[in-house]
PDB file of N, CA and C in Angstrom:
ATOM      1  N   MET A   1       0.712  -6.888 -30.294  1.00  0.00           N
ATOM      2  CA  MET A   1       0.906  -6.884 -29.338  1.00  0.00           C
ATOM      3  C   MET A   1       0.392  -5.893 -28.831  1.00  0.00           C
ATOM      4  N   ASN A   2      -0.590  -6.174 -28.000  1.00  0.00           N
ATOM      5  CA  ASN A   2      -1.926  -5.547 -27.335  1.00  0.00           C
ATOM      6  C   ASN A   2      -0.831  -5.381 -25.735  1.00  0.00           C
ATOM      7  N   LEU A   3      -0.775  -3.583 -25.715  1.00  0.00           N
ATOM      8  CA  LEU A   3       0.031  -3.250 -25.165  1.00  0.00           C
ATOM      9  C   LEU A   3      -1.516  -2.775 -23.624  1.00  0.00           C
ATOM     10  N   HIS A   4      -2.532  -3.111 -23.400  1.00  0.00           N
ATOM     11  CA  HIS A   4      -3.533  -1.888 -23.005  1.00  0.00           C
ATOM     12  C   HIS A   4      -3.974  -2.446 -21.481  1.00  0.00           C
ATOM     13  N   HIS A   5      -3.359  -2.214 -20.826  1.00  0.00           N
ATOM     14  CA  HIS A   5      -4.189  -3.571 -19.562  1.00  0.00           C
ATOM     15  C   HIS A   5      -6.011  -3.230 -19.875  1.00  0.00           C
ATOM     16  N   LYS A   6      -6.294  -4.535 -18.595  1.00  0.00           N
ATOM     17  CA  LYS A   6      -7.557  -4.550 -18.823  1.00  0.00           C
ATOM     18  C   LYS A   6      -9.002  -3.747 -17.884  1.00  0.00           C
ATOM     19  N   THR A   7      -8.123  -2.160 -17.872  1.00  0.00           N
ATOM     20  CA  THR A   7      -9.110  -1.289 -16.512  1.00  0.00           C
ATOM     21  C   THR A   7      -9.907  -0.977 -17.172  1.00  0.00           C
ATOM     22  N   GLY A   8     -10.121  -1.393 -19.043  1.00  0.00           N
ATOM     23  CA  GLY A   8     -11.449  -0.236 -19.837  1.00  0.00           C
ATOM     24  C   GLY A   8     -10.878   0.721 -19.753  1.00  0.00           C
ATOM     25  N   ALA A   9      -9.927   1.570 -19.540  1.00  0.00           N
ATOM     26  CA  ALA A   9      -9.782   2.234 -20.397  1.00  0.00           C
ATOM     27  C   ALA A   9      -8.967   3.081 -21.362  1.00  0.00           C
ATOM     28  N   LYS A  10      -8.848   3.704 -22.000  1.00  0.00           N
ATOM     29  CA  LYS A  10      -7.856   3.713 -23.781  1.00  0.00           C
ATOM     30  C   LYS A  10      -7.065   4.178 -23.573  1.00  0.00           C
ATOM     31  N   GLY A  11      -5.713   3.691 -23.596  1.00  0.00           N
ATOM     32  CA  GLY A  11      -4.956   4.680 -23.826  1.00  0.00           C
ATOM     33  C   GLY A  11      -4.023   4.130 -22.808  1.00  0.00           C
ATOM     34  N   THR A  12      -4.363   3.288 -21.679  1.00  0.00           N
ATOM     35  CA  THR A  12      -3.516   3.121 -20.434  1.00  0.00           C
ATOM     36  C   THR A  12      -2.348   1.741 -21.234  1.00  0.00           C
ATOM     37  N   SER A  13      -1.310   2.283 -20.825  1.00  0.00           N
ATOM     38  CA  SER A  13      -0.327   0.835 -21.456  1.00  0.00           C
ATOM     39  C   SER A  13       0.160  -0.027 -20.282  1.00  0.00           C
ATOM     40  N   LEU A  14       0.912  -0.765 -20.733  1.00  0.00           N
ATOM     41  CA  LEU A  14       1.615  -1.839 -19.594  1.00  0.00           C
ATOM     42  C   LEU A  14       3.234  -1.013 -19.185  1.00  0.00           C
ATOM     43  N   LEU A  15       3.767  -0.801 -20.215  1.00  0.00           N
ATOM     44  CA  LEU A  15       4.969   0.391 -20.389  1.00  0.00           C
ATOM     45  C   LEU A  15       4.301   1.085 -19.208  1.00  0.00           C
ATOM     46  N   ALA A  16       3.851   2.106 -19.337  1.00  0.00           N
ATOM     47  CA  ALA A  16       3.706   3.332 -18.696  1.00  0.00           C
ATOM     48  C   ALA A  16       3.153   3.108 -17.628  1.00  0.00           C
ATOM     49  N   SER A  17       2.202   2.141 -16.852  1.00  0.00           N
ATOM     50  CA  SER A  17       2.129   1.422 -15.822  1.00  0.00           C
ATOM     51  C   SER A  17       2.897   1.037 -15.063  1.00  0.00           C
ATOM     52  N   ARG A  18       3.709   0.017 -15.166  1.00  0.00           N
ATOM     53  CA  ARG A  18       4.829  -0.768 -14.861  1.00  0.00           C
ATOM     54  C   ARG A  18       5.784   0.628 -14.629  1.00  0.00           C
ATOM     55  N   LEU A  19       5.709   0.938 -14.815  1.00  0.00           N
ATOM     56  CA  LEU A  19       7.044   2.414 -15.073  1.00  0.00           C
ATOM     57  C   LEU A  19       6.703   3.538 -13.775  1.00  0.00           C
ATOM     58  N   MET A  20       5.129   3.804 -13.637  1.00  0.00           N
ATOM     59  CA  MET A  20       4.687   4.069 -12.876  1.00  0.00           C
ATOM     60  C   MET A  20       4.754   3.590 -11.891  1.00  0.00           C
ATOM     61  N   SER A  21       4.219   2.550 -11.163  1.00  0.00           N
ATOM     62  CA  SER A  21       4.894   1.392 -10.461  1.00  0.00           C
ATOM     63  C   SER A  21       6.138   1.450  -9.660  1.00  0.00           C
ATOM     64  N   LEU A  22       6.904   1.813 -10.790  1.00  0.00           N
ATOM     65  CA  LEU A  22       8.498   1.453 -10.291  1.00  0.00           C
ATOM     66  C   LEU A  22       8.420   2.803  -9.650  1.00  0.00           C
ATOM     67  N   LEU A  23       8.511   4.469 -10.259  1.00  0.00           N
ATOM     68  CA  LEU A  23       8.537   5.463  -9.670  1.00  0.00           C
ATOM     69  C   LEU A  23       7.522   4.982  -8.148  1.00  0.00           C
ATOM     70  N   TYR A  24       6.360   4.802  -8.490  1.00  0.00           N
ATOM     71  CA  TYR A  24       6.011   4.926  -6.379  1.00  0.00           C
ATOM     72  C   TYR A  24       6.633   4.177  -6.008  1.00  0.00           C
ATOM     73  N   GLY A  25       7.325   3.318  -6.289  1.00  0.00           N
ATOM     74  CA  GLY A  25       7.917   2.014  -5.268  1.00  0.00           C
ATOM     75  C   GLY A  25       8.855   2.975  -5.012  1.00  0.00           C
ATOM     76  N   ALA A  26       9.631   3.860  -5.638  1.00  0.00           N
ATOM     77  CA  ALA A  26      11.385   3.575  -5.465  1.00  0.00           C
ATOM     78  C   ALA A  26      10.906   5.478  -4.261  1.00  0.00           C
ATOM     79  N   GLY A  27       9.777   6.037  -4.512  1.00  0.00           N
ATOM     80  CA  GLY A  27       9.475   7.079  -4.296  1.00  0.00           C
ATOM     81  C   GLY A  27       9.225   6.466  -2.719  1.00  0.00           C
ATOM     82  N   ALA A  28       8.319   5.557  -1.827  1.00  0.00           N
ATOM     83  CA  ALA A  28       8.231   5.479  -1.231  1.00  0.00           C
ATOM     84  C   ALA A  28       9.703   4.925  -0.044  1.00  0.00           C
ATOM     85  N   ALA A  29       9.789   3.721  -0.896  1.00  0.00           N
ATOM     86  CA  ALA A  29      11.147   3.647  -0.254  1.00  0.00           C
ATOM     87  C   ALA A  29      12.234   4.613   0.316  1.00  0.00           C
ATOM     88  N   LEU A  30      11.956   5.669  -0.558  1.00  0.00           N
ATOM     89  CA  LEU A  30      13.006   6.474  -0.250  1.00  0.00           C
ATOM     90  C   LEU A  30      12.292   7.628   0.454  1.00  0.00           C
ATOM     91  N   THR A  31      11.524   7.862   0.867  1.00  0.00           N
ATOM     92  CA  THR A  31      10.502   8.200   1.833  1.00  0.00           C
ATOM     93  C   THR A  31      10.849   7.281   3.457  1.00  0.00           C
ATOM     94  N   LEU A  32      10.498   6.334   3.425  1.00  0.00           N
ATOM     95  CA  LEU A  32      10.136   5.352   4.165  1.00  0.00           C
ATOM     96  C   LEU A  32      11.783   5.522   5.245  1.00  0.00           C
ATOM     97  N   ASP A  33      13.118   5.376   4.128  1.00  0.00           N
ATOM     98  CA  ASP A  33      14.561   5.532   4.431  1.00  0.00           C
ATOM     99  C   ASP A  33      14.331   6.758   5.533  1.00  0.00           C
ATOM    100  N   GLU A  34      13.727   7.587   5.111  1.00  0.00           N
ATOM    101  CA  GLU A  34      14.161   9.333   5.629  1.00  0.00           C
ATOM    102  C   GLU A  34      12.983   9.157   7.132  1.00  0.00           C
ATOM    103  N   PHE A  35      12.211   8.233   7.444  1.00  0.00           N
ATOM    104  CA  PHE A  35      11.006   8.560   8.095  1.00  0.00           C
ATOM    105  C   PHE A  35      12.057   8.760   9.346  1.00  0.00           C
ATOM    106  N   ALA A  36      13.115   8.373   9.744  1.00  0.00           N
ATOM    107  CA  ALA A  36      13.557   9.241  11.433  1.00  0.00           C
ATOM    108  C   ALA A  36      14.265  10.373  11.177  1.00  0.00           C
ATOM    109  N   LEU A  37      14.489  10.761   9.567  1.00  0.00           N
ATOM    110  CA  LEU A  37      15.609  12.277  10.003  1.00  0.00           C
ATOM    111  C   LEU A  37      14.072  13.024   9.997  1.00  0.00           C
ATOM    112  N   TRP A  38      12.757  13.454   9.766  1.00  0.00           N
ATOM    113  CA  TRP A  38      12.416  14.067   9.611  1.00  0.00           C
ATOM    114  C   TRP A  38      11.242  13.875  11.034  1.00  0.00           C
ATOM    115  N   LEU A  39      11.263  12.713  10.757  1.00  0.00           N
ATOM    116  CA  LEU A  39      10.398  12.756  12.687  1.00  0.00           C
ATOM    117  C   LEU A  39      11.553  13.248  13.884  1.00  0.00           C
ATOM    118  N   ASN A  40      12.495  13.172  14.202  1.00  0.00           N
ATOM    119  CA  ASN A  40      13.700  13.762  15.193  1.00  0.00           C
ATOM    120  C   ASN A  40      14.434  15.033  14.300  1.00  0.00           C
ATOM    121  N   LEU A  41      14.470  15.001  13.332  1.00  0.00           N
ATOM    122  CA  LEU A  41      15.087  16.228  12.236  1.00  0.00           C
ATOM    123  C   LEU A  41      16.116  16.656  12.652  1.00  0.00           C
ATOM    124  N   LYS A  42      17.054  15.246  12.864  1.00  0.00           N
ATOM    125  CA  LYS A  42      18.266  15.198  13.147  1.00  0.00           C
ATOM    126  C   LYS A  42      18.451  13.963  12.260  1.00  0.00           C
ATOM    127  N   ASP A  43      19.966  13.341  11.415  1.00  0.00           N
ATOM    128  CA  ASP A  43      20.218  12.408  10.892  1.00  0.00           C
ATOM    129  C   ASP A  43      20.496  11.421  12.233  1.00  0.00           C
ATOM    130  N   THR A  44      20.551   9.894  12.310  1.00  0.00           N
ATOM    131  CA  THR A  44      20.621   9.049  12.925  1.00  0.00           C
ATOM    132  C   THR A  44      20.968   7.670  12.660  1.00  0.00           C
ATOM    133  N   LEU A  45      21.580   7.377  13.531  1.00  0.00           N
ATOM    134  CA  LEU A  45      21.781   5.383  12.799  1.00  0.00           C
ATOM    135  C   LEU A  45      20.529   4.269  12.934  1.00  0.00           C
ATOM    136  N   TYR A  46      20.187   3.638  12.370  1.00  0.00           N
ATOM    137  CA  TYR A  46      19.366   2.533  12.371  1.00  0.00           C
ATOM    138  C   TYR A  46      19.267   2.421  13.559  1.00  0.00           C
ATOM    139  N   TRP A  47      20.207   1.420  13.870  1.00  0.00           N
ATOM    140  CA  TRP A  47      20.445   0.839  15.454  1.00  0.00           C
ATOM    141  C   TRP A  47      19.801   1.327  16.678  1.00  0.00           C
ATOM    142  N   THR A  48      19.886   2.876  16.533  1.00  0.00           N
ATOM    143  CA  THR A  48      19.956   3.785  17.754  1.00  0.00           C
ATOM    144  C   THR A  48      18.683   3.681  17.616  1.00  0.00           C
ATOM    145  N   ARG A  49      18.002   4.451  19.257  1.00  0.00           N
ATOM    146  CA  ARG A  49      16.119   3.977  20.075  1.00  0.00           C
ATOM    147  C   ARG A  49      15.544   5.035  18.255  1.00  0.00           C
ATOM    148  N   GLN A  50      16.197   6.273  18.595  1.00  0.00           N
ATOM    149  CA  GLN A  50      15.567   7.528  17.277  1.00  0.00           C
ATOM    150  C   GLN A  50      15.461   6.763  15.420  1.00  0.00           C
ATOM    151  N   GLY A  51      16.384   5.858  15.214  1.00  0.00           N
ATOM    152  CA  GLY A  51      16.867   6.073  14.176  1.00  0.00           C
ATOM    153  C   GLY A  51      16.120   4.465  13.901  1.00  0.00           C
ATOM    154  N   ARG A  52      15.212   4.061  15.213  1.00  0.00           N
ATOM    155  CA  ARG A  52      14.771   2.623  14.805  1.00  0.00           C
ATOM    156  C   ARG A  52      13.473   2.978  14.475  1.00  0.00           C
ATOM    157  N   ALA A  53      12.778   4.053  14.679  1.00  0.00           N
ATOM    158  CA  ALA A  53      11.356   4.663  14.059  1.00  0.00           C
ATOM    159  C   ALA A  53      11.335   3.949  12.182  1.00  0.00           C
ATOM    160  N   SER A  54      13.030   4.649  11.799  1.00  0.00           N
ATOM    161  CA  SER A  54      12.350   4.291  10.543  1.00  0.00           C
ATOM    162  C   SER A  54      12.155   2.843   9.625  1.00  0.00           C
ATOM    163  N   LEU A  55      12.785   2.036  10.485  1.00  0.00           N
ATOM    164  CA  LEU A  55      12.856   0.344  10.602  1.00  0.00           C
ATOM    165  C   LEU A  55      11.221   0.152  10.680  1.00  0.00           C
ATOM    166  N   ASP A  56      10.937   0.693  11.867  1.00  0.00           N
ATOM    167  CA  ASP A  56       9.416   0.569  12.773  1.00  0.00           C
ATOM    168  C   ASP A  56       8.468   0.718  11.053  1.00  0.00           C
ATOM    169  N   ALA A  57       8.754   2.109  11.091  1.00  0.00           N
ATOM    170  CA  ALA A  57       8.170   2.233   9.137  1.00  0.00           C
ATOM    171  C   ALA A  57       8.329   1.748   8.328  1.00  0.00           C
ATOM    172  N   ILE A  58       9.307   1.087   8.199  1.00  0.00           N
ATOM    173  CA  ILE A  58       9.354  -0.084   6.269  1.00  0.00           C
ATOM    174  C   ILE A  58       8.988  -0.991   7.677  1.00  0.00           C
ATOM    175  N   MET A  59       8.708  -1.856   8.551  1.00  0.00           N
ATOM    176  CA  MET A  59       7.972  -2.524   8.258  1.00  0.00           C
ATOM    177  C   MET A  59       6.267  -2.489   8.707  1.00  0.00           C
ATOM    178  N   LEU A  60       5.875  -1.742   9.325  1.00  0.00           N
ATOM    179  CA  LEU A  60       3.747  -1.458   9.196  1.00  0.00           C
ATOM    180  C   LEU A  60       3.839  -1.201   8.062  1.00  0.00           C
ATOM    181  N   PHE A  61       4.713  -0.573   6.625  1.00  0.00           N
ATOM    182  CA  PHE A  61       4.710  -0.002   5.617  1.00  0.00           C
ATOM    183  C   PHE A  61       4.199  -1.511   4.803  1.00  0.00           C
ATOM    184  N   ALA A  62       5.024  -2.336   5.004  1.00  0.00           N
ATOM    185  CA  ALA A  62       5.395  -3.947   3.960  1.00  0.00           C
ATOM    186  C   ALA A  62       4.150  -4.587   4.832  1.00  0.00           C
ATOM    187  N   ALA A  63       3.372  -5.035   6.015  1.00  0.00           N
ATOM    188  CA  ALA A  63       2.692  -5.489   6.674  1.00  0.00           C
ATOM    189  C   ALA A  63       1.178  -4.751   6.547  1.00  0.00           C
ATOM    190  N   ALA A  64       1.499  -3.776   5.995  1.00  0.00           N
ATOM    191  CA  ALA A  64       0.061  -3.217   5.555  1.00  0.00           C
ATOM    192  C   ALA A  64      -0.204  -3.711   3.494  1.00  0.00           C
ATOM    193  N   LEU A  65       1.132  -3.482   3.054  1.00  0.00           N
ATOM    194  CA  LEU A  65       1.304  -4.128   1.613  1.00  0.00           C
ATOM    195  C   LEU A  65       0.638  -5.516   1.722  1.00  0.00           C
ATOM    196  N   LEU A  66       1.192  -6.488   2.270  1.00  0.00           N
ATOM    197  CA  LEU A  66       1.087  -7.883   2.669  1.00  0.00           C
ATOM    198  C   LEU A  66      -0.569  -8.187   2.833  1.00  0.00           C
ATOM    199  N   ILE A  67      -0.800  -7.536   3.772  1.00  0.00           N
ATOM    200  CA  ILE A  67      -2.570  -7.492   3.973  1.00  0.00           C
ATOM    201  C   ILE A  67      -2.693  -7.438   2.580  1.00  0.00           C
ATOM    202  N   GLY A  68      -2.902  -6.105   2.141  1.00  0.00           N
ATOM    203  CA  GLY A  68      -3.908  -5.684   1.297  1.00  0.00           C
ATOM    204  C   GLY A  68      -3.434  -6.775  -0.188  1.00  0.00           C
ATOM    205  N   ILE A  69      -2.432  -7.441  -0.518  1.00  0.00           N
ATOM    206  CA  ILE A  69      -2.138  -8.383  -1.344  1.00  0.00           C
ATOM    207  C   ILE A  69      -2.453 -10.147  -0.743  1.00  0.00           C
ATOM    208  N   TRP A  70      -2.649 -10.019   0.497  1.00  0.00           N
ATOM    209  CA  TRP A  70      -3.046 -11.400   1.278  1.00  0.00           C
ATOM    210  C   TRP A  70      -4.149 -11.173   1.311  1.00  0.00           C
ATOM    211  N   GLY A  71      -5.011 -10.477   1.672  1.00  0.00           N
ATOM    212  CA  GLY A  71      -6.543 -10.223   1.921  1.00  0.00           C
ATOM    213  C   GLY A  71      -7.263  -9.449   1.269  1.00  0.00           C
ATOM    214  N   ARG A  72      -6.969  -9.476   0.170  1.00  0.00           N
ATOM    215  CA  ARG A  72      -7.563  -8.717  -1.525  1.00  0.00           C
ATOM    216  C   ARG A  72      -9.032  -9.416  -1.242  1.00  0.00           C
ATOM    217  N   GLU A  73      -8.981 -10.655  -0.978  1.00  0.00           N
ATOM    218  CA  GLU A  73     -10.486 -11.227  -1.618  1.00  0.00           C
ATOM    219  C   GLU A  73     -11.139 -10.990  -0.190  1.00  0.00           C
ATOM    220  N   PHE A  74     -10.557 -11.058   0.477  1.00  0.00           N
ATOM    221  CA  PHE A  74     -11.752 -11.245   2.456  1.00  0.00           C
ATOM    222  C   PHE A  74     -11.815  -9.536   2.081  1.00  0.00           C
ATOM    223  N   LEU A  75     -10.797  -8.471   1.646  1.00  0.00           N
ATOM    224  CA  LEU A  75     -11.619  -7.627   1.934  1.00  0.00           C
ATOM    225  C   LEU A  75     -12.761  -6.654   1.044  1.00  0.00           C
ATOM    226  N   LYS A  76     -12.701  -7.116  -0.783  1.00  0.00           N
ATOM    227  CA  LYS A  76     -13.474  -7.171  -0.610  1.00  0.00           C
ATOM    228  C   LYS A  76     -14.658  -7.937  -1.140  1.00  0.00           C
ATOM    229  N   ALA A  77     -15.117  -9.033   0.062  1.00  0.00           N
ATOM    230  CA  ALA A  77     -15.943  -9.756   0.669  1.00  0.00           C
ATOM    231  C   ALA A  77     -17.002  -9.230   1.947  1.00  0.00           C
ATOM    232  N   LEU A  78     -16.248  -8.283   2.038  1.00  0.00           N
ATOM    233  CA  LEU A  78     -16.187  -7.812   3.429  1.00  0.00           C
ATOM    234  C   LEU A  78     -17.196  -6.862   3.783  1.00  0.00           C
ATOM    235  N   PRO A  79     -17.363  -5.836   2.757  1.00  0.00           N
ATOM    236  CA  PRO A  79     -18.775  -4.615   2.739  1.00  0.00           C
ATOM    237  C   PRO A  79     -19.140  -5.477   1.990  1.00  0.00           C
ATOM    238  N   ARG A  80     -19.320  -6.146   1.006  1.00  0.00           N
ATOM    239  CA  ARG A  80     -20.590  -7.241   1.096  1.00  0.00           C
ATOM    240  C   ARG A  80     -21.577  -7.828   1.368  1.00  0.00           C
ATOM    241  N   GLU A  81     -20.483  -8.583   2.821  1.00  0.00           N
ATOM    242  CA  GLU A  81     -21.215  -9.267   3.980  1.00  0.00           C
ATOM    243  C   GLU A  81     -22.100  -8.376   4.781  1.00  0.00           C
ATOM    244  N   ILE A  82     -21.192  -7.217   5.064  1.00  0.00           N
ATOM    245  CA  ILE A  82     -22.239  -6.327   6.192  1.00  0.00           C
ATOM    246  C   ILE A  82     -22.646  -5.712   5.581  1.00  0.00           C
ATOM    247  N   PHE A  83     -23.700  -5.708   4.220  1.00  0.00           N
ATOM    248  CA  PHE A  83     -24.306  -4.834   3.968  1.00  0.00           C
ATOM    249  C   PHE A  83     -25.628  -6.036   3.760  1.00  0.00           C
ATOM    250  N   ARG A  84     -24.740  -7.118   3.408  1.00  0.00           N
ATOM    251  CA  ARG A  84     -25.873  -8.587   3.585  1.00  0.00           C
ATOM    252  C   ARG A  84     -26.380  -8.264   5.476  1.00  0.00           C
ATOM    253  N   LEU A  85     -26.025  -8.799   6.116  1.00  0.00           N
ATOM    254  CA  LEU A  85     -25.985  -8.892   6.888  1.00  0.00           C
ATOM    255  C   LEU A  85     -26.875  -7.814   7.879  1.00  0.00           C
ATOM    256  N   ARG A  86     -26.679  -6.571   7.378  1.00  0.00           N
ATOM    257  CA  ARG A  86     -27.837  -5.091   7.751  1.00  0.00           C
ATOM    258  C   ARG A  86     -29.249  -5.396   7.147  1.00  0.00           C
ATOM    259  N   ARG A  87     -29.090  -5.419   5.627  1.00  0.00           N
ATOM    260  CA  ARG A  87     -29.974  -6.254   5.144  1.00  0.00           C
ATOM    261  C   ARG A  87     -31.137  -7.063   5.693  1.00  0.00           C
ATOM    262  N   LYS A  88     -30.578  -8.309   6.375  1.00  0.00           N
ATOM    263  CA  LYS A  88     -30.925  -9.151   7.154  1.00  0.00           C
ATOM    264  C   LYS A  88     -31.932  -8.547   8.220  1.00  0.00           C
ATOM    265  N   LYS A  89     -31.261  -7.831   8.836  1.00  0.00           N
ATOM    266  CA  LYS A  89     -31.248  -7.169  10.156  1.00  0.00           C
ATOM    267  C   LYS A  89     -32.438  -6.881   9.748  1.00  0.00           C
ATOM    268  N   ALA A  90     -32.116  -5.399   9.022  1.00  0.00           N
ATOM    269  CA  ALA A  90     -33.882  -4.681   8.447  1.00  0.00           C
ATOM    270  C   ALA A  90     -34.609  -5.674   8.215  1.00  0.00           C
ATOM    271  N   GLU A  91     -34.493  -6.957   7.271  1.00  0.00           N
ATOM    272  CA  GLU A  91     -36.041  -7.532   6.958  1.00  0.00           C
ATOM    273  C   GLU A  91     -37.001  -8.534   8.112  1.00  0.00           C
ATOM    274  N   GLU A  92     -36.298  -8.316   9.649  1.00  0.00           N
ATOM    275  CA  GLU A  92     -36.278  -9.585  10.515  1.00  0.00           C
ATOM    276  C   GLU A  92     -36.911  -8.288  10.925  1.00  0.00           C
TER     277      GLU A  92
END
C-alpha cells in the first residue's frame, strides 16, 4: 500500500497529512469560535451585536475557503494570463 503523497517529497505519508489537516481544521474552528471574545475582551452571546463578530468571521473564513476550492483553476490561470497580456503589450 502506497502511503506517500504525489508531492515529490519522500517520507510524506497520507496519514500524517490527514492528521495535520484535521489538527489545522480544529485549530481554525476554535480560533474562529473565540473571535468575538478576543475582539471585545469579554464573553458575549452569539446572537448579540458583539457576539455576531464570531459568526461574521466564520462566514468570511468559509467564503475564502470556498473561493479557493471552487476558483482554484481560475486563480492558477490568472497570473499566467496577466503575464501573457503584459508580454503582449510590451511587444507592441
